[in-house]
Amino acid sequence: MPPGTPRAELRLEVRGVSKFFGDHAALKEVRLEVGLGDAVLLYGPNGAGKTTLLRIMASLAKPSSGQVLFGGRDVERNGVGAAAKSATGFASHATLLYNELSVRENLRFFGKLFGLENLEARVDRELDRFGLRERQHVLVRELSRGLQQRVSLARALLHDPVFLLLDEPFTGLDSRSTEKLESLLKRLPEQGKAVVFSTHDFNQGAALARRLVALEAGRLRYNGPLEQAPLEALGIARGAGTQHA
């Protein structure tokens, strides 16, 4: 974390962020602040800007305008970019894994990028957490989509991030893996970490989050307690299981 920032005050923030792809605005003046202990459901129809926002928060994409702040400092201007990346874990439907490396080799590679100590023990922990021990020497390209997703989640958690950003993390997971991930997402905020995740299943997300951030056409429509959210006005049908575009 940035020097001089008390852990209790650590925040990840996007301030007035817009993102353009050609003439298309994927995000429009979005403001969002996430603190430790937050459990945030990022929700909206396809094309709402959820993936783009998560990638910007994870420092994997740059905004066209606006700022990303970590501990109150701009990650592009105050030399805190490395600290922000070290404090953040990100997983999405794009696994960011190397297909020609084995499961263990992938985790070891990413661990070395972060300069982790006790790397093999950390790798073992994630292999066990996601039930990958028996497949640790299998090449990623030979794994099913669901198993690749498990490896991607293990990669995102390997360095013990305090901000976990997940884009549709349940994609391809079997029921047992889904239950394990749901349990994990419930525990992490209780341990003083922050979780921001998107899912197409509102009921699933609502069971795990305390705060709702609703996006539509790149704009923020709601940001507040999930239990107080005007679901009908937002076009969200609780009980339907999936979103209404």
Foldseek 3Di string as FASTA:
>chain_A
DPPPQPLQLKKKWWAQFWADDVPAILAGGDTDIWHWLAQEEEDEDPSLNQVVVLCCSLVNDPTPDTAIDTSRHGLVPDVCVLVSNLQEFEDELPLPFDQAFFLQVRLLVLCVVNPDPPSVVLSVVLCVLLVNVVRRRPGLNPDDSQVSLSSSVSSRPSSPHQEYEYEQSCPNHDPVNVVSVLVVLQVSSVVGGHYYYYHQFVQSSVVRGQWYFYGGSNYTDDTGGPVPDPQVVSQQDPPPRGGDD
